Amino acid sequence: MENSIFIGGGGPDYGTKQGLSLKYSNRHGLIAGATGTGKTVTLQILAEGFSAAGVPVFLSDVKGDLSGLAAAGSADFKLHEAFAKRAATIGFDEYRYDSFPVTFWDLLGQQGHPVRTTVAEMGPLLLSRLLDLTGAQEGVMNIAFRVADEQGMPLVDLKDLQALLIWVGESNKELSLRYGNVSVQSVGAIQRQLLVLENQGGTQLFGEPALDLADLMQVTPEGRGQINILAADKLMGSPRLYATFLLWLLSELFETLPEVGNPDKPKLVFFFDEAHLLFDDAPDALVDKVEQVARLIRSKGVGVYFITQNPDDVPEDILGQLGNRFQHALRAFTARDQRALSRAAETYRPNPRFDTAEAIRDVGTGEAVTSMLADKGVPGVVERTLIRPPSSKLGPITAAERKAVMAASPMAGKYDEVLDRKSAYEILKARAEAAAKEAEAEEQRVEEDEDLSPAEREFNAGRRYSGKKVARSTSRPKRRSSSRDDSFGEAMTKVVIKELKGTTGRRIVRGILGGLFKGR
């Protein structure tokens, strides 16, 4: 099947051969089905097909068994005969074992190359979602980001955000006058949530060097697309962190990649496993933005495929954007299950040869009810399809094999060492230290002033306890007020304005999901 990925089909009990057209594979897709019905194998053969066609892939390995893509299958595998028989049944004459180019990534930095972003790139909306903030707390988070943007304080890691929030809490009265209410209670609640995030491993997500999206879109010299695998088996212990990271990555692709219209094949295919975690308890505003990204990102050449147990896990407006469907068996044990089965069947273009709902209920492991976009992007007639066997190893590779793949990767060493450049934490710390030294020097100078009597020097020394300057005797001329009379916020603003006058005039712009991208 030219210019398409062979999926399966064929044989006496199935329809015609099914293939996923590369031209329409950026119209997104859905892989759904109950546990143990074959979703992982379908994901595996799609990743193989895209890689062979020169399309880079990003996917998450939530069960730890997709690492087998890096190794070829073998004849001594227990399912070898079954695979060979299935290939013959569906007419897959080109079937052979093969390995594929793989790059392993891991937010925790244990089973893959470290992958990071900065707090600024994550943005206030996604960060608020990650921290499960209330509306009032999200408002404070937006104010903090706004102040950081306006005053040129880079937010790189969590300690930058924590330091900024301390300053926001101390300056809440001044900030409330300009931006609206900033309560100390909200600031405290956000800080507590940041501690929870730290305990879940969130500290390792934020920092530099940040992930370069170009590293996810590599093609080998042989013309094969790189398969990027995010180790997510441990990450699934923090499901909100997992979902927010993938959503951030999707939004970064949307904001960064140029428009390409309708390419002959995608620039990247993105698989979002356990998709229900993205939408569980998500506010309507976030779901609307995800829908907007899904609708528009295909023009950037990116195909997005959601993997979940039930199509009902995906909001209807987003489900309508998913043109290519791979529906494995749905179990209808309860009335609710039966309604979900009926709704799933209604989304397919019917086939007069069989009842779609019955087919979805009855297909076995390794089979699926499929519908691919055909000519001019029209949904194809639903078919019962026997999914082709994978060419790569079914199941995980060993820890030693994983280390060997990582050592040979072009990403080896690029992200290993954490950089800690001057950012909000260092800026605020330096300014606080400078202000303290200036105040101390001024106190010492006044105390040593020869014009003052010992009694006056002792009286003026009391200001170190009150924090306020004590007026000198009215019989003496007033000295010029020092900069320490200003509030810390006012002093910081003056310094920042002075710093910004010397910049090159970068524009700081926040994108559709609150992430940061810069222009000139």
Protein backbone atom coordinates (compact mmCIF):
# COMPACT_ATOMS: atom_id res chain seq x y z
CA MET A 1 0.00 0.00 0.00
CA GLU A 2 1.91 2.99 -1.35
CA ASN A 3 2.29 6.13 0.81
CA SER A 4 0.52 4.47 3.72
CA ILE A 5 1.22 2.41 6.83
CA PHE A 6 -0.09 -1.14 6.59
CA ILE A 7 -2.37 -1.88 9.54
CA GLY A 8 -3.86 -5.31 8.80
CA GLY A 9 -7.08 -6.86 7.60
CA GLY A 10 -7.54 -9.39 4.87
CA GLY A 11 -8.48 -13.05 5.26
CA PRO A 12 -11.91 -14.71 5.06
CA ASP A 13 -13.33 -13.17 8.24
CA TYR A 14 -12.11 -9.64 7.66
CA GLY A 15 -12.48 -6.81 5.19
CA THR A 16 -10.00 -5.45 2.71
CA LYS A 17 -6.48 -4.56 3.74
CA GLN A 18 -6.38 -1.47 5.89
CA GLY A 19 -3.71 1.21 5.64
CA LEU A 20 -3.22 4.59 7.30
CA SER A 21 -2.55 7.19 4.61
CA LEU A 22 0.50 9.31 5.43
CA LYS A 23 -1.17 12.28 3.75
CA TYR A 24 -4.05 12.19 6.24
CA SER A 25 -2.23 10.89 9.29
CA ASN A 26 -1.84 14.43 10.66
CA ARG A 27 -5.65 14.52 11.00
CA HIS A 28 -5.15 12.87 14.40
CA GLY A 29 -6.47 9.57 15.69
CA LEU A 30 -7.82 7.46 18.53
CA ILE A 31 -6.73 4.06 19.84
CA ALA A 32 -9.31 2.78 22.32
CA GLY A 33 -10.23 -0.48 23.99
CA ALA A 34 -10.42 -2.33 27.27
CA THR A 35 -7.32 -3.49 29.11
CA GLY A 36 -5.62 -6.45 27.41
CA THR A 37 -7.28 -6.07 24.00
CA GLY A 38 -4.17 -5.06 22.05
CA LYS A 39 -3.88 -1.26 22.22
CA THR A 40 -0.14 -1.40 22.96
CA VAL A 41 0.59 -3.56 19.90
CA THR A 42 -1.41 -1.20 17.71
CA LEU A 43 0.62 1.70 19.09
CA GLN A 44 3.81 -0.26 18.46
CA ILE A 45 3.07 -1.05 14.80
CA LEU A 46 2.03 2.55 14.14
CA ALA A 47 5.32 3.79 15.61
CA GLU A 48 7.19 1.29 13.43
CA GLY A 49 5.29 2.39 10.34
CA PHE A 50 5.86 6.09 10.89
CA SER A 51 9.55 5.55 11.61
CA ALA A 52 10.00 3.48 8.46
CA ALA A 53 8.33 6.29 6.48
CA GLY A 54 10.79 8.86 7.86
CA VAL A 55 8.40 10.43 10.39
CA PRO A 56 9.70 11.08 13.94
CA VAL A 57 7.49 9.82 16.77
CA PHE A 58 6.99 10.77 20.40
CA LEU A 59 5.23 8.33 22.73
CA SER A 60 5.02 7.55 26.43
CA ASP A 61 5.72 4.07 27.77
CA VAL A 62 3.33 3.77 30.70
CA LYS A 63 3.80 0.04 31.20
CA GLY A 64 7.50 -0.19 30.44
CA ASP A 65 7.19 -2.59 27.51
CA LEU A 66 7.53 -0.30 24.47
CA SER A 67 11.31 -0.21 24.83
CA GLY A 68 11.24 -3.34 22.65
CA LEU A 69 11.02 -1.01 19.64
CA ALA A 70 14.80 -0.64 19.93
CA ALA A 71 15.37 -4.38 19.32
CA ALA A 72 14.31 -6.72 16.55
CA GLY A 73 11.93 -9.59 17.18
CA SER A 74 13.35 -13.10 16.96
CA ALA A 75 12.34 -16.55 15.77
CA ASP A 76 12.76 -18.02 19.25
CA PHE A 77 10.01 -15.80 20.64
CA LYS A 78 7.06 -17.84 21.92
CA LEU A 79 4.61 -16.08 19.58
CA HIS A 80 6.81 -16.43 16.49
CA GLU A 81 4.61 -19.06 14.86
CA ALA A 82 1.44 -17.15 15.70
CA PHE A 83 2.91 -13.97 14.21
CA ALA A 84 4.00 -15.77 11.05
CA LYS A 85 0.53 -17.33 10.66
CA ARG A 86 -1.17 -13.95 11.16
CA ALA A 87 1.11 -12.31 8.58
CA ALA A 88 0.21 -15.01 6.07
CA THR A 89 -3.52 -14.69 6.84
CA ILE A 90 -3.61 -10.95 6.15
CA GLY A 91 -1.26 -11.13 3.16
CA PHE A 92 1.61 -9.30 4.82
CA ASP A 93 4.29 -10.75 2.52
CA GLU A 94 6.91 -8.12 3.49
CA TYR A 95 6.80 -9.10 7.16
CA ARG A 96 10.23 -9.42 8.78
CA TYR A 97 11.84 -8.74 12.14
CA ASP A 98 13.53 -5.38 12.52
CA SER A 99 14.69 -2.82 15.09
CA PHE A 100 14.09 0.92 14.99
CA PRO A 101 16.05 4.02 16.05
CA VAL A 102 14.99 4.93 19.59
CA THR A 103 15.84 7.76 22.01
CA PHE A 104 14.86 7.22 25.64
CA TRP A 105 13.72 10.16 27.79
CA ASP A 106 12.80 10.33 31.46
CA LEU A 107 11.59 13.25 33.60
CA LEU A 108 13.27 11.56 36.56
CA GLY A 109 16.53 11.07 34.65
CA GLN A 110 16.76 7.37 35.49
CA GLN A 111 15.64 5.37 32.45
CA GLY A 112 16.40 7.94 29.79
CA HIS A 113 18.00 11.27 29.04
CA PRO A 114 16.73 14.01 31.37
CA VAL A 115 13.97 16.14 29.91
CA ARG A 116 13.28 19.56 31.38
CA THR A 117 11.44 22.77 30.78
CA THR A 118 11.51 26.09 32.61
CA VAL A 119 8.79 27.49 34.85
CA ALA A 120 8.37 30.40 32.40
CA GLU A 121 7.85 28.05 29.45
CA MET A 122 5.30 26.01 31.38
CA GLY A 123 3.26 29.15 31.97
CA PRO A 124 0.73 30.06 34.67
CA LEU A 125 -2.24 28.17 33.22
CA LEU A 126 -0.59 24.75 33.00
CA LEU A 127 1.27 25.26 36.25
CA SER A 128 -1.98 26.12 38.02
CA ARG A 129 -3.50 22.95 36.56
CA LEU A 130 -0.50 20.95 37.74
CA LEU A 131 -0.81 22.36 41.26
CA ASP A 132 -4.62 22.03 41.32
CA LEU A 133 -5.05 25.67 42.33
CA THR A 134 -8.34 27.42 42.98
CA GLY A 135 -9.46 30.36 40.86
CA ALA A 136 -8.16 32.90 43.39
CA GLN A 137 -4.81 31.11 43.66
CA GLU A 138 -4.52 30.92 39.88
CA GLY A 139 -5.09 34.67 39.80
CA VAL A 140 -2.14 35.21 42.16
CA MET A 141 -0.03 32.89 39.99
CA ASN A 142 -0.87 35.00 36.92
CA ILE A 143 0.12 38.17 38.80
CA ALA A 144 3.45 36.61 39.81
CA PHE A 145 4.21 35.67 36.19
CA ARG A 146 3.18 39.13 35.01
CA VAL A 147 5.51 40.81 37.50
CA ALA A 148 8.37 38.48 36.55
CA ASP A 149 7.85 39.26 32.85
CA GLU A 150 7.63 43.01 33.36
CA GLN A 151 10.62 43.21 35.67
CA GLY A 152 12.94 40.95 33.72
CA MET A 153 13.28 38.13 36.25
CA PRO A 154 13.68 34.77 34.49
CA LEU A 155 11.68 31.94 36.06
CA VAL A 156 13.77 28.84 35.42
CA ASP A 157 13.32 26.39 38.28
CA LEU A 158 11.08 25.96 41.31
CA LYS A 159 13.29 27.95 43.65
CA ASP A 160 12.88 30.94 41.31
CA LEU A 161 9.11 30.71 41.61
CA GLN A 162 9.27 30.16 45.37
CA ALA A 163 11.51 33.22 45.84
CA LEU A 164 9.25 35.34 43.64
CA LEU A 165 6.18 34.28 45.62
CA ILE A 166 7.88 35.30 48.86
CA TRP A 167 8.46 38.76 47.43
CA VAL A 168 4.88 38.89 46.10
CA GLY A 169 3.59 38.04 49.58
CA GLU A 170 5.75 40.73 51.19
CA SER A 171 4.68 43.31 48.57
CA ASN A 172 1.02 42.26 48.44
CA LYS A 173 -0.34 45.70 49.36
CA GLU A 174 1.50 47.50 46.57
CA LEU A 175 0.73 44.76 44.02
CA SER A 176 -2.97 44.62 44.99
CA LEU A 177 -3.38 48.28 44.08
CA ARG A 178 -2.21 47.60 40.52
CA TYR A 179 -3.19 44.02 39.72
CA GLY A 180 -6.04 43.20 42.10
CA ASN A 181 -6.21 41.38 45.38
CA VAL A 182 -3.07 39.41 46.33
CA SER A 183 -3.74 37.60 49.57
CA VAL A 184 -0.98 36.17 51.72
CA GLN A 185 -3.19 33.11 52.27
CA SER A 186 -3.23 32.36 48.53
CA VAL A 187 0.52 32.77 48.32
CA GLY A 188 0.93 30.35 51.23
CA ALA A 189 -1.38 27.81 49.61
CA ILE A 190 0.62 27.93 46.37
CA GLN A 191 3.85 27.43 48.31
CA ARG A 192 2.40 24.35 50.00
CA GLN A 193 1.41 22.90 46.63
CA LEU A 194 4.91 23.54 45.33
CA LEU A 195 6.27 21.46 48.21
CA VAL A 196 3.95 18.62 47.21
CA LEU A 197 5.20 18.93 43.62
CA GLU A 198 8.79 18.73 44.87
CA ASN A 199 7.99 15.52 46.71
CA GLN A 200 6.56 14.06 43.49
CA GLY A 201 9.78 14.73 41.57
CA GLY A 202 8.71 18.02 40.03
CA THR A 203 12.03 19.64 40.90
CA GLN A 204 13.68 17.59 38.16
CA LEU A 205 11.17 18.72 35.55
CA PHE A 206 12.07 22.41 35.87
CA GLY A 207 15.53 23.66 35.00
CA GLU A 208 18.07 24.03 32.26
CA PRO A 209 19.17 22.98 29.75
CA ALA A 210 15.56 22.86 28.64
CA LEU A 211 14.43 20.40 26.01
CA ASP A 212 15.13 21.49 22.44
CA LEU A 213 12.12 20.46 20.36
CA ALA A 214 14.38 19.88 17.37
CA ASP A 215 15.86 16.90 19.26
CA LEU A 216 12.45 15.20 19.06
CA MET A 217 12.26 15.57 15.29
CA GLN A 218 15.42 13.78 14.17
CA VAL A 219 15.67 11.58 11.09
CA THR A 220 18.54 9.10 10.76
CA PRO A 221 20.95 9.19 7.80
CA GLU A 222 19.09 6.12 6.49
CA GLY A 223 15.89 8.16 6.37
CA ARG A 224 14.15 6.63 9.38
CA GLY A 225 12.27 8.76 11.88
CA GLN A 226 13.57 8.71 15.44
CA ILE A 227 11.16 7.14 17.98
CA ASN A 228 11.27 9.14 21.22
CA ILE A 229 10.08 7.08 24.20
CA LEU A 230 9.25 8.78 27.49
CA ALA A 231 9.67 6.39 30.42
CA ALA A 232 6.38 6.85 32.26
CA ASP A 233 5.95 3.72 34.35
CA LYS A 234 7.18 5.51 37.51
CA LEU A 235 5.83 8.85 36.37
CA MET A 236 2.32 7.41 36.43
CA GLY A 237 2.55 7.62 40.23
CA SER A 238 2.10 11.38 39.69
CA PRO A 239 -0.62 11.38 37.03
CA ARG A 240 -1.19 15.14 37.03
CA LEU A 241 2.53 15.75 36.46
CA TYR A 242 2.47 13.25 33.59
CA ALA A 243 -0.56 14.79 31.88
CA THR A 244 0.61 18.38 32.36
CA PHE A 245 4.04 17.65 30.92
CA LEU A 246 2.61 16.06 27.78
CA LEU A 247 0.15 18.92 27.36
CA TRP A 248 3.00 21.40 27.75
CA LEU A 249 4.99 19.55 25.09
CA LEU A 250 2.02 19.62 22.74
CA SER A 251 1.51 23.35 23.27
CA GLU A 252 5.22 24.03 22.71
CA LEU A 253 5.05 22.20 19.37
CA PHE A 254 2.02 24.28 18.45
CA GLU A 255 3.69 27.58 19.37
CA THR A 256 7.08 26.78 17.84
CA LEU A 257 6.56 24.94 14.57
CA PRO A 258 5.82 26.87 11.37
CA GLU A 259 2.69 26.41 9.26
CA VAL A 260 3.15 23.74 6.59
CA GLY A 261 -0.43 23.31 5.35
CA ASN A 262 -1.14 19.75 4.17
CA PRO A 263 2.21 17.94 3.86
CA ASP A 264 2.61 14.57 2.18
CA LYS A 265 3.52 13.14 5.58
CA PRO A 266 3.63 14.53 9.14
CA LYS A 267 6.63 16.31 10.62
CA LEU A 268 5.99 14.52 13.93
CA VAL A 269 3.42 12.13 15.35
CA PHE A 270 2.56 12.48 19.04
CA PHE A 271 0.94 9.63 20.99
CA PHE A 272 -0.84 10.61 24.22
CA ASP A 273 -1.32 7.41 26.25
CA GLU A 274 -3.73 7.28 29.22
CA ALA A 275 -5.51 10.26 27.69
CA HIS A 276 -8.22 10.29 30.35
CA LEU A 277 -5.66 11.75 32.76
CA LEU A 278 -5.60 14.89 30.66
CA PHE A 279 -9.33 15.48 30.89
CA ASP A 280 -10.20 14.18 34.37
CA ASP A 281 -11.46 17.14 36.42
CA ALA A 282 -10.01 19.56 33.85
CA PRO A 283 -11.68 23.00 33.87
CA ASP A 284 -13.71 23.93 30.80
CA ALA A 285 -11.24 26.67 29.89
CA LEU A 286 -8.41 24.14 29.65
CA VAL A 287 -10.47 21.67 27.62
CA ASP A 288 -11.38 24.48 25.20
CA LYS A 289 -7.71 25.33 24.72
CA VAL A 290 -6.80 21.68 24.16
CA GLU A 291 -9.52 21.51 21.51
CA GLN A 292 -8.12 24.63 19.88
CA VAL A 293 -4.62 23.19 19.81
CA ALA A 294 -5.87 19.86 18.41
CA ARG A 295 -7.80 21.66 15.70
CA LEU A 296 -4.93 23.91 14.61
CA ILE A 297 -1.78 21.86 15.17
CA ARG A 298 -2.37 19.61 12.17
CA SER A 299 -1.51 22.58 9.95
CA LYS A 300 1.91 22.50 11.66
CA GLY A 301 2.37 18.94 10.39
CA VAL A 302 1.81 17.27 13.77
CA GLY A 303 -0.53 14.31 14.19
CA VAL A 304 -1.90 13.62 17.68
CA TYR A 305 -3.19 10.17 18.66
CA PHE A 306 -5.00 9.65 21.96
CA ILE A 307 -4.87 6.20 23.59
CA THR A 308 -7.49 5.41 26.20
CA GLN A 309 -9.82 2.63 27.36
CA ASN A 310 -13.08 4.24 26.33
CA PRO A 311 -13.84 6.90 23.69
CA ASP A 312 -16.02 8.60 26.32
CA ASP A 313 -12.78 9.57 28.10
CA VAL A 314 -12.20 12.17 25.38
CA PRO A 315 -14.52 15.22 25.24
CA GLU A 316 -16.88 15.15 22.27
CA ASP A 317 -15.52 18.30 20.63
CA ILE A 318 -12.00 16.86 20.66
CA LEU A 319 -13.21 13.40 19.64
CA GLY A 320 -14.64 15.02 16.52
CA GLN A 321 -11.11 16.06 15.50
CA LEU A 322 -9.80 12.46 15.53
CA GLY A 323 -10.19 11.17 11.98
CA ASN A 324 -8.36 7.82 12.17
CA ARG A 325 -9.89 5.28 14.58
CA PHE A 326 -8.61 2.00 16.01
CA GLN A 327 -11.29 0.60 18.29
CA HIS A 328 -10.40 -2.57 20.17
CA ALA A 329 -12.97 -4.50 22.19
CA LEU A 330 -15.22 -2.69 24.67
CA ARG A 331 -16.78 -4.82 27.39
CA ALA A 332 -20.49 -4.14 27.96
CA PHE A 333 -21.09 -5.62 31.40
CA THR A 334 -23.25 -2.80 32.77
CA ALA A 335 -25.94 -0.50 31.43
CA ARG A 336 -23.42 2.34 31.39
CA ASP A 337 -20.98 0.19 29.39
CA GLN A 338 -23.72 -0.61 26.90
CA ARG A 339 -24.52 3.06 26.39
CA ALA A 340 -20.83 3.82 25.88
CA LEU A 341 -20.61 0.97 23.36
CA SER A 342 -23.60 2.31 21.47
CA ARG A 343 -22.16 5.84 21.38
CA ALA A 344 -18.81 4.54 20.14
CA ALA A 345 -20.51 2.64 17.30
CA GLU A 346 -22.42 5.73 16.22
CA THR A 347 -19.19 7.61 15.45
CA TYR A 348 -18.28 5.24 12.59
CA ARG A 349 -19.42 5.21 8.98
CA PRO A 350 -21.54 2.02 8.91
CA ASN A 351 -20.66 -1.10 6.96
CA PRO A 352 -23.66 -3.06 5.60
CA ARG A 353 -21.82 -6.36 6.15
CA PHE A 354 -21.99 -6.26 9.96
CA ASP A 355 -23.35 -4.42 12.97
CA THR A 356 -20.68 -2.03 14.28
CA ALA A 357 -21.72 -2.25 17.94
CA GLU A 358 -21.63 -6.04 17.89
CA ALA A 359 -18.24 -6.01 16.18
CA ILE A 360 -16.77 -3.67 18.82
CA ARG A 361 -18.06 -5.97 21.56
CA ASP A 362 -16.94 -9.22 19.92
CA VAL A 363 -13.50 -8.56 18.40
CA GLY A 364 -10.75 -10.57 20.04
CA THR A 365 -7.28 -9.66 21.23
CA GLY A 366 -5.21 -8.35 18.35
CA GLU A 367 -8.31 -7.42 16.35
CA ALA A 368 -9.91 -4.01 16.02
CA VAL A 369 -12.71 -2.14 14.35
CA THR A 370 -10.96 0.47 12.22
CA SER A 371 -11.82 3.49 10.13
CA MET A 372 -9.18 5.52 8.25
CA LEU A 373 -9.53 8.75 6.38
CA ALA A 374 -9.72 8.08 2.67
CA ASP A 375 -9.48 10.34 -0.41
CA LYS A 376 -10.16 14.02 0.31
CA GLY A 377 -10.18 13.27 4.02
CA VAL A 378 -13.52 11.43 3.99
CA PRO A 379 -13.92 8.81 6.77
CA GLY A 380 -13.66 5.30 5.38
CA VAL A 381 -16.25 2.59 5.95
CA VAL A 382 -15.73 0.78 9.24
CA GLU A 383 -13.97 -2.60 8.93
CA ARG A 384 -13.09 -5.51 11.18
CA THR A 385 -9.30 -5.70 11.05
CA LEU A 386 -6.76 -8.27 12.17
CA ILE A 387 -3.83 -6.11 13.29
CA ARG A 388 -0.49 -7.04 11.74
CA PRO A 389 2.25 -8.42 14.04
CA PRO A 390 5.07 -6.09 15.14
CA SER A 391 8.54 -6.35 13.61
CA SER A 392 10.32 -5.19 16.75
CA LYS A 393 10.52 -7.06 20.02
CA LEU A 394 7.25 -7.51 21.86
CA GLY A 395 7.98 -6.56 25.47
CA PRO A 396 10.77 -4.63 27.20
CA ILE A 397 14.49 -4.82 26.55
CA THR A 398 16.92 -5.41 29.43
CA ALA A 399 18.42 -2.63 31.55
CA ALA A 400 21.83 -3.29 29.96
CA GLU A 401 20.37 -3.00 26.46
CA ARG A 402 18.67 0.27 27.43
CA LYS A 403 21.97 1.69 28.73
CA ALA A 404 23.69 0.71 25.49
CA VAL A 405 21.04 2.50 23.43
CA MET A 406 21.37 5.60 25.61
CA ALA A 407 25.17 5.59 25.36
CA ALA A 408 25.01 5.45 21.56
CA SER A 409 22.35 8.18 21.35
CA PRO A 410 23.24 11.60 19.88
CA MET A 411 21.58 13.06 23.00
CA ALA A 412 24.14 11.41 25.32
CA GLY A 413 25.63 14.06 27.59
CA LYS A 414 23.64 16.97 26.18
CA TYR A 415 21.14 17.21 29.04
CA ASP A 416 22.98 15.40 31.81
CA GLU A 417 24.52 18.38 33.61
CA VAL A 418 22.09 20.87 35.18
CA LEU A 419 22.81 24.55 34.53
CA ASP A 420 21.96 27.16 37.14
CA ARG A 421 22.21 30.57 35.52
CA LYS A 422 21.28 33.90 37.05
CA SER A 423 17.51 33.98 37.37
CA ALA A 424 14.78 35.27 39.69
CA TYR A 425 16.15 33.58 42.82
CA GLU A 426 19.65 34.95 42.34
CA ILE A 427 18.38 38.41 41.35
CA LEU A 428 16.14 38.75 44.40
CA LYS A 429 18.80 37.35 46.70
CA ALA A 430 21.45 39.75 45.37
CA ARG A 431 19.15 42.75 45.70
CA ALA A 432 18.18 41.83 49.25
CA GLU A 433 21.83 41.41 50.21
CA ALA A 434 22.76 44.70 48.53
CA ALA A 435 19.96 46.54 50.34
CA ALA A 436 21.03 45.06 53.67
CA LYS A 437 24.66 46.05 53.15
CA GLU A 438 23.67 49.55 52.12
CA ALA A 439 21.52 49.98 55.22
CA GLU A 440 24.27 48.63 57.45
CA ALA A 441 26.84 50.96 55.90
CA GLU A 442 24.55 53.95 56.32
CA GLU A 443 23.93 53.09 59.98
CA GLN A 444 27.62 52.78 60.62
CA ARG A 445 28.33 56.08 58.86
CA VAL A 446 25.71 57.93 60.90
CA GLU A 447 26.86 56.36 64.15
CA GLU A 448 30.41 57.48 63.48
CA ASP A 449 29.39 61.02 62.51
CA GLU A 450 31.56 63.40 64.55
CA ASP A 451 28.81 66.02 64.59
CA LEU A 452 26.64 63.81 66.78
CA SER A 453 26.89 63.56 70.52
CA PRO A 454 27.15 60.11 72.14
CA ALA A 455 23.50 60.41 73.26
CA GLU A 456 22.33 61.15 69.68
CA ARG A 457 24.32 58.25 68.24
CA GLU A 458 22.81 55.88 70.81
CA PHE A 459 19.30 57.17 70.07
CA ASN A 460 19.72 56.83 66.28
CA ALA A 461 21.04 53.29 66.67
CA GLY A 462 17.51 52.30 67.72
CA ARG A 463 16.37 52.41 64.12
CA ARG A 464 18.04 49.06 63.51
CA TYR A 465 15.29 47.51 65.65
CA SER A 466 12.37 49.45 64.16
CA GLY A 467 13.59 49.36 60.59
CA LYS A 468 12.87 53.08 60.23
CA LYS A 469 15.21 56.02 60.09
CA VAL A 470 15.10 58.21 63.23
CA ALA A 471 15.02 61.91 62.52
CA ARG A 472 17.97 63.92 63.64
CA SER A 473 17.73 66.97 65.89
CA THR A 474 15.60 69.73 64.33
CA SER A 475 18.39 72.20 65.01
CA ARG A 476 20.62 70.50 62.43
CA PRO A 477 20.15 70.66 58.64
CA LYS A 478 18.37 67.61 57.18
CA ARG A 479 20.46 65.17 55.25
CA ARG A 480 19.24 63.81 51.92
CA SER A 481 17.09 60.72 52.36
CA SER A 482 18.89 57.54 51.37
CA SER A 483 17.53 54.88 49.03
CA ARG A 484 16.77 52.68 52.00
CA ASP A 485 13.73 54.89 52.72
CA ASP A 486 12.08 53.30 49.70
CA SER A 487 10.24 50.06 50.10
CA PHE A 488 12.03 47.00 48.85
CA GLY A 489 9.55 46.79 45.97
CA GLU A 490 10.18 50.39 44.90
CA ALA A 491 13.94 49.94 45.05
CA MET A 492 13.72 46.76 43.03
CA THR A 493 11.55 48.43 40.40
CA LYS A 494 14.08 51.25 39.98
CA VAL A 495 16.92 48.79 39.51
CA VAL A 496 14.92 46.71 37.03
CA ILE A 497 13.98 49.75 34.94
CA LYS A 498 17.64 50.70 34.82
CA GLU A 499 18.53 47.14 33.74
CA LEU A 500 15.84 46.96 31.08
CA LYS A 501 17.12 50.15 29.42
CA GLY A 502 20.24 48.21 28.50
CA THR A 503 18.50 45.17 27.02
CA THR A 504 18.14 44.38 23.36
CA GLY A 505 14.39 44.82 23.51
CA ARG A 506 13.17 41.25 23.60
CA ARG A 507 9.44 40.78 23.47
CA ILE A 508 8.01 38.35 26.00
CA VAL A 509 4.83 36.77 24.69
CA ARG A 510 2.65 34.09 26.22
CA GLY A 511 1.01 31.60 23.92
CA ILE A 512 -2.34 29.87 23.78
CA LEU A 513 -1.66 27.68 26.83
CA GLY A 514 0.33 30.24 28.78
CA GLY A 515 3.75 29.03 27.64
CA LEU A 516 6.49 31.47 26.75
CA PHE A 517 7.97 32.16 23.38
CA LYS A 518 10.24 35.06 22.50
CA GLY A 519 10.52 37.26 19.46
CA ARG A 520 12.43 40.34 18.50
